[in-house]
Amino acid sequence: LLFECMSSLMVGNPLLTTAILGPGARGGVQNSFIGAIDISAFTDPDAYRENIDQLVIAMKGLPKADGVEELFVPGEPEDRVYQERIKHGIPLPPGTIDKLREVADRFGLEMPK
């Protein structure tokens, strides 16, 4: 709700209006908010990191719903994809690979392996 207020209501482009009042209500499409907080103005940054680590451990230790193997914290799924792609490359659809191969052949370039 805090981010809705700062990124939507503050700029006069409410996003949640249609979700709350229904499809006939006027609402925005997209807004953004970027904030920078100097953690050291509030607490010791190392202590903050330790507290975040403990929060993540606590969250990941919560009971899981049936069929859920693992709980993720924000950014964790994306980081796993990033690490996988750093290690193994970015997967491309077969059609894209075929088109790249055609262009490489046309210009006498070798396709990476």
C-alpha atoms as a PDB file:
ATOM      1  CA  LEU A   1       0.000   0.000   0.000  1.00  0.00           C
ATOM      2  CA  LEU A   2       2.888   2.335   0.765  1.00  0.00           C
ATOM      3  CA  PHE A   3       4.290   1.888  -2.749  1.00  0.00           C
ATOM      4  CA  GLU A   4       0.808   2.352  -4.279  1.00  0.00           C
ATOM      5  CA  CYS A   5       0.572   5.671  -2.445  1.00  0.00           C
ATOM      6  CA  MET A   6       4.052   6.824  -3.453  1.00  0.00           C
ATOM      7  CA  SER A   7       4.090   5.593  -7.049  1.00  0.00           C
ATOM      8  CA  SER A   8       0.451   6.071  -8.005  1.00  0.00           C
ATOM      9  CA  LEU A   9      -1.581   8.367  -5.796  1.00  0.00           C
ATOM     10  CA  MET A  10       1.228  10.889  -5.338  1.00  0.00           C
ATOM     11  CA  VAL A  11       1.391  11.393  -9.112  1.00  0.00           C
ATOM     12  CA  GLY A  12      -2.377  11.327  -9.657  1.00  0.00           C
ATOM     13  CA  ASN A  13      -2.440   8.036 -11.556  1.00  0.00           C
ATOM     14  CA  PRO A  14      -4.039   5.448  -9.231  1.00  0.00           C
ATOM     15  CA  LEU A  15      -3.434   1.851 -10.325  1.00  0.00           C
ATOM     16  CA  LEU A  16      -5.466  -0.021  -7.725  1.00  0.00           C
ATOM     17  CA  THR A  17      -8.640   2.005  -8.289  1.00  0.00           C
ATOM     18  CA  THR A  18     -10.065  -0.401 -10.877  1.00  0.00           C
ATOM     19  CA  ALA A  19      -9.214  -3.407  -8.700  1.00  0.00           C
ATOM     20  CA  ILE A  20     -10.992  -1.842  -5.727  1.00  0.00           C
ATOM     21  CA  LEU A  21     -13.908  -0.005  -7.351  1.00  0.00           C
ATOM     22  CA  GLY A  22     -14.474  -2.235 -10.375  1.00  0.00           C
ATOM     23  CA  PRO A  23     -13.974  -2.067 -14.135  1.00  0.00           C
ATOM     24  CA  GLY A  24     -15.893   1.194 -14.605  1.00  0.00           C
ATOM     25  CA  ALA A  25     -13.476   3.185 -12.457  1.00  0.00           C
ATOM     26  CA  ARG A  26     -10.764   5.313 -14.024  1.00  0.00           C
ATOM     27  CA  GLY A  27      -7.341   3.940 -13.279  1.00  0.00           C
ATOM     28  CA  GLY A  28      -3.805   4.223 -14.497  1.00  0.00           C
ATOM     29  CA  VAL A  29      -1.787   1.710 -16.461  1.00  0.00           C
ATOM     30  CA  GLN A  30       1.755   1.900 -15.110  1.00  0.00           C
ATOM     31  CA  ASN A  31       3.781   3.930 -12.655  1.00  0.00           C
ATOM     32  CA  SER A  32       7.222   3.573 -11.143  1.00  0.00           C
ATOM     33  CA  PHE A  33       8.923   4.484  -7.915  1.00  0.00           C
ATOM     34  CA  ILE A  34      12.632   4.523  -7.215  1.00  0.00           C
ATOM     35  CA  GLY A  35      13.877   5.260  -3.740  1.00  0.00           C
ATOM     36  CA  ALA A  36      17.312   5.390  -2.167  1.00  0.00           C
ATOM     37  CA  ILE A  37      17.715   4.877   1.561  1.00  0.00           C
ATOM     38  CA  ASP A  38      20.931   5.483   3.467  1.00  0.00           C
ATOM     39  CA  ILE A  39      20.735   2.505   5.825  1.00  0.00           C
ATOM     40  CA  SER A  40      23.581   3.903   7.926  1.00  0.00           C
ATOM     41  CA  ALA A  41      21.333   6.838   8.836  1.00  0.00           C
ATOM     42  CA  PHE A  42      19.148   4.370  10.751  1.00  0.00           C
ATOM     43  CA  THR A  43      21.359   1.457  11.803  1.00  0.00           C
ATOM     44  CA  ASP A  44      24.714  -0.203  11.317  1.00  0.00           C
ATOM     45  CA  PRO A  45      24.799  -1.626   7.750  1.00  0.00           C
ATOM     46  CA  ASP A  46      26.512  -4.856   8.879  1.00  0.00           C
ATOM     47  CA  ALA A  47      23.880  -5.403  11.567  1.00  0.00           C
ATOM     48  CA  TYR A  48      21.186  -4.718   8.966  1.00  0.00           C
ATOM     49  CA  ARG A  49      22.672  -7.340   6.624  1.00  0.00           C
ATOM     50  CA  GLU A  50      22.741  -9.854   9.468  1.00  0.00           C
ATOM     51  CA  ASN A  51      19.104  -9.077  10.287  1.00  0.00           C
ATOM     52  CA  ILE A  52      18.156  -9.535   6.627  1.00  0.00           C
ATOM     53  CA  ASP A  53      19.974 -12.884   6.561  1.00  0.00           C
ATOM     54  CA  GLN A  54      18.068 -13.978   9.678  1.00  0.00           C
ATOM     55  CA  LEU A  55      14.766 -12.816   8.164  1.00  0.00           C
ATOM     56  CA  VAL A  56      15.426 -14.858   5.012  1.00  0.00           C
ATOM     57  CA  ILE A  57      16.262 -17.937   7.100  1.00  0.00           C
ATOM     58  CA  ALA A  58      13.049 -17.479   9.100  1.00  0.00           C
ATOM     59  CA  MET A  59      10.917 -16.979   5.972  1.00  0.00           C
ATOM     60  CA  LYS A  60      12.384 -19.993   4.214  1.00  0.00           C
ATOM     61  CA  GLY A  61      11.689 -22.070   7.337  1.00  0.00           C
ATOM     62  CA  LEU A  62       7.959 -21.331   7.302  1.00  0.00           C
ATOM     63  CA  PRO A  63       5.556 -24.220   6.597  1.00  0.00           C
ATOM     64  CA  LYS A  64       4.988 -24.830   2.894  1.00  0.00           C
ATOM     65  CA  ALA A  65       1.667 -25.444   1.168  1.00  0.00           C
ATOM     66  CA  ASP A  66       1.074 -28.898  -0.259  1.00  0.00           C
ATOM     67  CA  GLY A  67       3.044 -29.359  -3.455  1.00  0.00           C
ATOM     68  CA  VAL A  68       5.434 -26.477  -2.721  1.00  0.00           C
ATOM     69  CA  GLU A  69       9.032 -27.649  -2.539  1.00  0.00           C
ATOM     70  CA  GLU A  70      10.737 -24.391  -1.614  1.00  0.00           C
ATOM     71  CA  LEU A  71       9.856 -20.877  -0.510  1.00  0.00           C
ATOM     72  CA  PHE A  72      11.564 -18.047  -2.365  1.00  0.00           C
ATOM     73  CA  VAL A  73      12.355 -14.513  -1.269  1.00  0.00           C
ATOM     74  CA  PRO A  74      12.120 -11.604  -3.734  1.00  0.00           C
ATOM     75  CA  GLY A  75      14.873 -11.757  -6.351  1.00  0.00           C
ATOM     76  CA  GLU A  76      15.867 -15.345  -5.590  1.00  0.00           C
ATOM     77  CA  PRO A  77      14.230 -16.999  -8.636  1.00  0.00           C
ATOM     78  CA  GLU A  78      15.736 -14.352 -10.909  1.00  0.00           C
ATOM     79  CA  ASP A  79      19.178 -14.813  -9.368  1.00  0.00           C
ATOM     80  CA  ARG A  80      18.975 -18.553  -9.969  1.00  0.00           C
ATOM     81  CA  VAL A  81      18.123 -17.983 -13.630  1.00  0.00           C
ATOM     82  CA  TYR A  82      20.998 -15.480 -13.883  1.00  0.00           C
ATOM     83  CA  GLN A  83      23.479 -17.951 -12.360  1.00  0.00           C
ATOM     84  CA  GLU A  84      22.261 -20.742 -14.658  1.00  0.00           C
ATOM     85  CA  ARG A  85      22.617 -18.527 -17.732  1.00  0.00           C
ATOM     86  CA  ILE A  86      26.073 -17.295 -16.731  1.00  0.00           C
ATOM     87  CA  LYS A  87      27.139 -20.922 -16.471  1.00  0.00           C
ATOM     88  CA  HIS A  88      25.294 -22.423 -19.472  1.00  0.00           C
ATOM     89  CA  GLY A  89      24.367 -19.449 -21.672  1.00  0.00           C
ATOM     90  CA  ILE A  90      21.007 -18.014 -22.661  1.00  0.00           C
ATOM     91  CA  PRO A  91      18.677 -20.584 -24.214  1.00  0.00           C
ATOM     92  CA  LEU A  92      17.392 -19.723 -27.682  1.00  0.00           C
ATOM     93  CA  PRO A  93      14.393 -21.209 -29.486  1.00  0.00           C
ATOM     94  CA  PRO A  94      15.335 -23.567 -32.352  1.00  0.00           C
ATOM     95  CA  GLY A  95      13.878 -21.161 -34.930  1.00  0.00           C
ATOM     96  CA  THR A  96      16.117 -18.352 -33.693  1.00  0.00           C
ATOM     97  CA  ILE A  97      19.166 -20.612 -33.857  1.00  0.00           C
ATOM     98  CA  ASP A  98      18.256 -21.588 -37.431  1.00  0.00           C
ATOM     99  CA  LYS A  99      17.961 -17.928 -38.458  1.00  0.00           C
ATOM    100  CA  LEU A 100      21.272 -17.066 -36.786  1.00  0.00           C
ATOM    101  CA  ARG A 101      22.899 -20.003 -38.572  1.00  0.00           C
ATOM    102  CA  GLU A 102      21.569 -18.710 -41.929  1.00  0.00           C
ATOM    103  CA  VAL A 103      23.004 -15.245 -41.265  1.00  0.00           C
ATOM    104  CA  ALA A 104      26.331 -16.726 -40.122  1.00  0.00           C
ATOM    105  CA  ASP A 105      26.539 -18.828 -43.294  1.00  0.00           C
ATOM    106  CA  ARG A 106      25.687 -15.835 -45.475  1.00  0.00           C
ATOM    107  CA  PHE A 107      28.522 -13.785 -43.952  1.00  0.00           C
ATOM    108  CA  GLY A 108      30.988 -16.641 -43.605  1.00  0.00           C
ATOM    109  CA  LEU A 109      30.920 -16.637 -39.823  1.00  0.00           C
ATOM    110  CA  GLU A 110      31.302 -19.601 -37.519  1.00  0.00           C
ATOM    111  CA  MET A 111      28.456 -20.251 -35.091  1.00  0.00           C
ATOM    112  CA  PRO A 112      29.510 -20.446 -31.448  1.00  0.00           C
ATOM    113  CA  LYS A 113      29.375 -23.904 -29.937  1.00  0.00           C
END
